[in-house]
PDB file of N, CA and C in Angstrom:
ATOM      1  N   UNK A   1      -4.977  10.062  -7.179  1.00  0.00           N
ATOM      2  CA  UNK A   1      -5.243   8.646  -7.360  1.00  0.00           C
ATOM      3  C   UNK A   1      -6.331   8.173  -6.382  1.00  0.00           C
ATOM      4  N   UNK A   2      -6.201   8.586  -5.128  1.00  0.00           N
ATOM      5  CA  UNK A   2      -7.196   8.183  -4.125  1.00  0.00           C
ATOM      6  C   UNK A   2      -8.580   8.690  -4.503  1.00  0.00           C
ATOM      7  N   UNK A   3      -8.640   9.945  -4.966  1.00  0.00           N
ATOM      8  CA  UNK A   3      -9.921  10.545  -5.308  1.00  0.00           C
ATOM      9  C   UNK A   3     -10.589   9.764  -6.437  1.00  0.00           C
ATOM     10  N   UNK A   4      -9.827   9.368  -7.428  1.00  0.00           N
ATOM     11  CA  UNK A   4     -10.367   8.611  -8.567  1.00  0.00           C
ATOM     12  C   UNK A   4     -10.879   7.245  -8.107  1.00  0.00           C
ATOM     13  N   UNK A   5     -10.126   6.593  -7.230  1.00  0.00           N
ATOM     14  CA  UNK A   5     -10.558   5.289  -6.722  1.00  0.00           C
ATOM     15  C   UNK A   5     -11.837   5.396  -5.884  1.00  0.00           C
ATOM     16  N   UNK A   6     -11.923   6.434  -5.059  1.00  0.00           N
ATOM     17  CA  UNK A   6     -13.136   6.632  -4.257  1.00  0.00           C
ATOM     18  C   UNK A   6     -14.331   6.869  -5.183  1.00  0.00           C
ATOM     19  N   UNK A   7     -14.132   7.683  -6.215  1.00  0.00           N
ATOM     20  CA  UNK A   7     -15.216   7.935  -7.169  1.00  0.00           C
ATOM     21  C   UNK A   7     -15.649   6.646  -7.850  1.00  0.00           C
ATOM     22  N   UNK A   8     -14.694   5.802  -8.203  1.00  0.00           N
ATOM     23  CA  UNK A   8     -15.026   4.513  -8.815  1.00  0.00           C
ATOM     24  C   UNK A   8     -15.819   3.620  -7.879  1.00  0.00           C
ATOM     25  N   UNK A   9     -15.441   3.608  -6.611  1.00  0.00           N
ATOM     26  CA  UNK A   9     -16.168   2.806  -5.620  1.00  0.00           C
ATOM     27  C   UNK A   9     -17.586   3.343  -5.450  1.00  0.00           C
ATOM     28  N   UNK A  10     -17.726   4.658  -5.429  1.00  0.00           N
ATOM     29  CA  UNK A  10     -19.065   5.252  -5.299  1.00  0.00           C
ATOM     30  C   UNK A  10     -19.946   4.823  -6.470  1.00  0.00           C
ATOM     31  N   UNK A  11     -19.401   4.890  -7.674  1.00  0.00           N
ATOM     32  CA  UNK A  11     -20.181   4.502  -8.861  1.00  0.00           C
ATOM     33  C   UNK A  11     -20.573   3.028  -8.791  1.00  0.00           C
ATOM     34  N   UNK A  12     -19.622   2.175  -8.449  1.00  0.00           N
ATOM     35  CA  UNK A  12     -19.928   0.741  -8.374  1.00  0.00           C
ATOM     36  C   UNK A  12     -20.946   0.432  -7.278  1.00  0.00           C
ATOM     37  N   UNK A  13     -20.762   1.036  -6.112  1.00  0.00           N
ATOM     38  CA  UNK A  13     -21.712   0.808  -5.014  1.00  0.00           C
ATOM     39  C   UNK A  13     -23.085   1.348  -5.362  1.00  0.00           C
ATOM     40  N   UNK A  14     -23.128   2.509  -6.051  1.00  0.00           N
ATOM     41  CA  UNK A  14     -24.402   3.143  -6.405  1.00  0.00           C
ATOM     42  C   UNK A  14     -25.218   2.220  -7.301  1.00  0.00           C
ATOM     43  N   UNK A  15     -24.538   1.496  -8.187  1.00  0.00           N
ATOM     44  CA  UNK A  15     -25.239   0.578  -9.091  1.00  0.00           C
ATOM     45  C   UNK A  15     -25.884  -0.575  -8.329  1.00  0.00           C
ATOM     46  N   UNK A  16     -25.223  -1.031  -7.282  1.00  0.00           N
ATOM     47  CA  UNK A  16     -25.748  -2.146  -6.500  1.00  0.00           C
ATOM     48  C   UNK A  16     -26.817  -1.653  -5.530  1.00  0.00           C
ATOM     49  N   UNK A  17     -26.483  -0.586  -4.810  1.00  0.00           N
ATOM     50  CA  UNK A  17     -27.418  -0.030  -3.825  1.00  0.00           C
ATOM     51  C   UNK A  17     -27.145   1.462  -3.695  1.00  0.00           C
ATOM     52  N   UNK A  18     -28.047   2.303  -4.179  1.00  0.00           N
ATOM     53  CA  UNK A  18     -27.811   3.744  -4.164  1.00  0.00           C
ATOM     54  C   UNK A  18     -27.488   4.318  -2.775  1.00  0.00           C
ATOM     55  N   UNK A  19     -28.064   3.768  -1.734  1.00  0.00           N
ATOM     56  CA  UNK A  19     -27.771   4.264  -0.398  1.00  0.00           C
ATOM     57  C   UNK A  19     -26.301   4.067  -0.048  1.00  0.00           C
ATOM     58  N   UNK A  20     -25.746   2.932  -0.436  1.00  0.00           N
ATOM     59  CA  UNK A  20     -24.335   2.657  -0.154  1.00  0.00           C
ATOM     60  C   UNK A  20     -23.441   3.665  -0.868  1.00  0.00           C
ATOM     61  N   UNK A  21     -23.742   3.984  -2.098  1.00  0.00           N
ATOM     62  CA  UNK A  21     -22.975   4.998  -2.821  1.00  0.00           C
ATOM     63  C   UNK A  21     -23.144   6.376  -2.229  1.00  0.00           C
ATOM     64  N   UNK A  22     -24.363   6.687  -1.839  1.00  0.00           N
ATOM     65  CA  UNK A  22     -24.641   7.992  -1.248  1.00  0.00           C
ATOM     66  C   UNK A  22     -23.934   8.207   0.082  1.00  0.00           C
ATOM     67  N   UNK A  23     -23.777   7.141   0.827  1.00  0.00           N
ATOM     68  CA  UNK A  23     -23.100   7.265   2.116  1.00  0.00           C
ATOM     69  C   UNK A  23     -21.596   7.529   1.966  1.00  0.00           C
ATOM     70  N   UNK A  24     -21.064   7.280   0.796  1.00  0.00           N
ATOM     71  CA  UNK A  24     -19.658   7.571   0.545  1.00  0.00           C
ATOM     72  C   UNK A  24     -19.410   8.999   0.062  1.00  0.00           C
ATOM     73  N   UNK A  25     -20.453   9.735  -0.245  1.00  0.00           N
ATOM     74  CA  UNK A  25     -20.282  11.108  -0.724  1.00  0.00           C
ATOM     75  C   UNK A  25     -19.583  12.016   0.295  1.00  0.00           C
ATOM     76  N   UNK A  26     -19.916  11.951   1.576  1.00  0.00           N
ATOM     77  CA  UNK A  26     -19.168  12.789   2.536  1.00  0.00           C
ATOM     78  C   UNK A  26     -17.677  12.440   2.579  1.00  0.00           C
ATOM     79  N   UNK A  27     -17.336  11.204   2.322  1.00  0.00           N
ATOM     80  CA  UNK A  27     -15.936  10.787   2.327  1.00  0.00           C
ATOM     81  C   UNK A  27     -15.169  11.461   1.192  1.00  0.00           C
ATOM     82  N   UNK A  28     -15.749  11.495  -0.009  1.00  0.00           N
ATOM     83  CA  UNK A  28     -15.057  12.125  -1.132  1.00  0.00           C
ATOM     84  C   UNK A  28     -14.984  13.641  -0.936  1.00  0.00           C
ATOM     85  N   UNK A  29     -15.986  14.207  -0.287  1.00  0.00           N
ATOM     86  CA  UNK A  29     -15.933  15.642   0.032  1.00  0.00           C
ATOM     87  C   UNK A  29     -14.801  15.903   1.017  1.00  0.00           C
ATOM     88  N   UNK A  30     -14.669  15.072   2.034  1.00  0.00           N
ATOM     89  CA  UNK A  30     -13.606  15.240   3.017  1.00  0.00           C
ATOM     90  C   UNK A  30     -12.229  15.076   2.376  1.00  0.00           C
ATOM     91  N   UNK A  31     -12.059  14.092   1.517  1.00  0.00           N
ATOM     92  CA  UNK A  31     -10.773  13.889   0.848  1.00  0.00           C
ATOM     93  C   UNK A  31     -10.449  15.094  -0.044  1.00  0.00           C
ATOM     94  N   UNK A  32     -11.437  15.638  -0.705  1.00  0.00           N
ATOM     95  CA  UNK A  32     -11.227  16.826  -1.540  1.00  0.00           C
ATOM     96  C   UNK A  32     -10.799  18.012  -0.691  1.00  0.00           C
ATOM     97  N   UNK A  33     -11.458  18.211   0.432  1.00  0.00           N
ATOM     98  CA  UNK A  33     -11.120  19.313   1.339  1.00  0.00           C
ATOM     99  C   UNK A  33      -9.709  19.134   1.905  1.00  0.00           C
ATOM    100  N   UNK A  34      -9.381  17.930   2.342  1.00  0.00           N
ATOM    101  CA  UNK A  34      -8.057  17.667   2.910  1.00  0.00           C
ATOM    102  C   UNK A  34      -6.970  17.867   1.861  1.00  0.00           C
ATOM    103  N   UNK A  35      -7.230  17.480   0.620  1.00  0.00           N
ATOM    104  CA  UNK A  35      -6.259  17.681  -0.454  1.00  0.00           C
ATOM    105  C   UNK A  35      -6.038  19.164  -0.718  1.00  0.00           C
ATOM    106  N   UNK A  36      -7.116  19.929  -0.767  1.00  0.00           N
ATOM    107  CA  UNK A  36      -6.999  21.372  -0.987  1.00  0.00           C
ATOM    108  C   UNK A  36      -6.254  22.037   0.173  1.00  0.00           C
ATOM    109  N   UNK A  37      -6.541  21.613   1.389  1.00  0.00           N
ATOM    110  CA  UNK A  37      -5.867  22.172   2.559  1.00  0.00           C
ATOM    111  C   UNK A  37      -4.379  21.863   2.527  1.00  0.00           C
ATOM    112  N   UNK A  38      -4.016  20.633   2.232  1.00  0.00           N
ATOM    113  CA  UNK A  38      -2.606  20.263   2.145  1.00  0.00           C
ATOM    114  C   UNK A  38      -1.898  21.005   1.016  1.00  0.00           C
ATOM    115  N   UNK A  39      -2.559  21.172  -0.110  1.00  0.00           N
ATOM    116  CA  UNK A  39      -1.961  21.903  -1.229  1.00  0.00           C
ATOM    117  C   UNK A  39      -1.722  23.364  -0.847  1.00  0.00           C
ATOM    118  N   UNK A  40      -2.676  23.966  -0.155  1.00  0.00           N
ATOM    119  CA  UNK A  40      -2.511  25.362   0.267  1.00  0.00           C
ATOM    120  C   UNK A  40      -1.354  25.506   1.248  1.00  0.00           C
ATOM    121  N   UNK A  41      -1.242  24.592   2.180  1.00  0.00           N
ATOM    122  CA  UNK A  41      -0.141  24.634   3.139  1.00  0.00           C
ATOM    123  C   UNK A  41       1.190  24.441   2.417  1.00  0.00           C
ATOM    124  N   UNK A  42       1.242  23.517   1.498  1.00  0.00           N
ATOM    125  CA  UNK A  42       2.469  23.256   0.752  1.00  0.00           C
ATOM    126  C   UNK A  42       2.885  24.485  -0.070  1.00  0.00           C
ATOM    127  N   UNK A  43       1.920  25.120  -0.733  1.00  0.00           N
ATOM    128  CA  UNK A  43       2.226  26.292  -1.543  1.00  0.00           C
ATOM    129  C   UNK A  43       2.715  27.455  -0.679  1.00  0.00           C
ATOM    130  N   UNK A  44       2.150  27.642   0.487  1.00  0.00           N
ATOM    131  CA  UNK A  44       2.573  28.738   1.368  1.00  0.00           C
ATOM    132  C   UNK A  44       3.950  28.512   1.962  1.00  0.00           C
ATOM    133  N   UNK A  45       4.345  27.263   2.111  1.00  0.00           N
ATOM    134  CA  UNK A  45       5.635  26.961   2.720  1.00  0.00           C
ATOM    135  C   UNK A  45       6.732  26.681   1.695  1.00  0.00           C
ATOM    136  N   UNK A  46       6.408  26.651   0.430  1.00  0.00           N
ATOM    137  CA  UNK A  46       7.412  26.271  -0.573  1.00  0.00           C
ATOM    138  C   UNK A  46       8.241  27.453  -1.053  1.00  0.00           C
ATOM    139  N   UNK A  47       7.828  28.660  -0.732  1.00  0.00           N
ATOM    140  CA  UNK A  47       8.519  29.738  -1.385  1.00  0.00           C
ATOM    141  C   UNK A  47       9.136  30.773  -0.599  1.00  0.00           C
TER     142      UNK A  47
END
């Protein structure tokens, strides 16, 4: 849900000012990395 909302904000900001949307790209990359890391930890500890 968070990832979808961040993507929506990037699209909306990009339409108004491309620099503002571009500055949010590292944030969505970080959220993606943190999600993958948490999923990997959860999978290793679940079984």
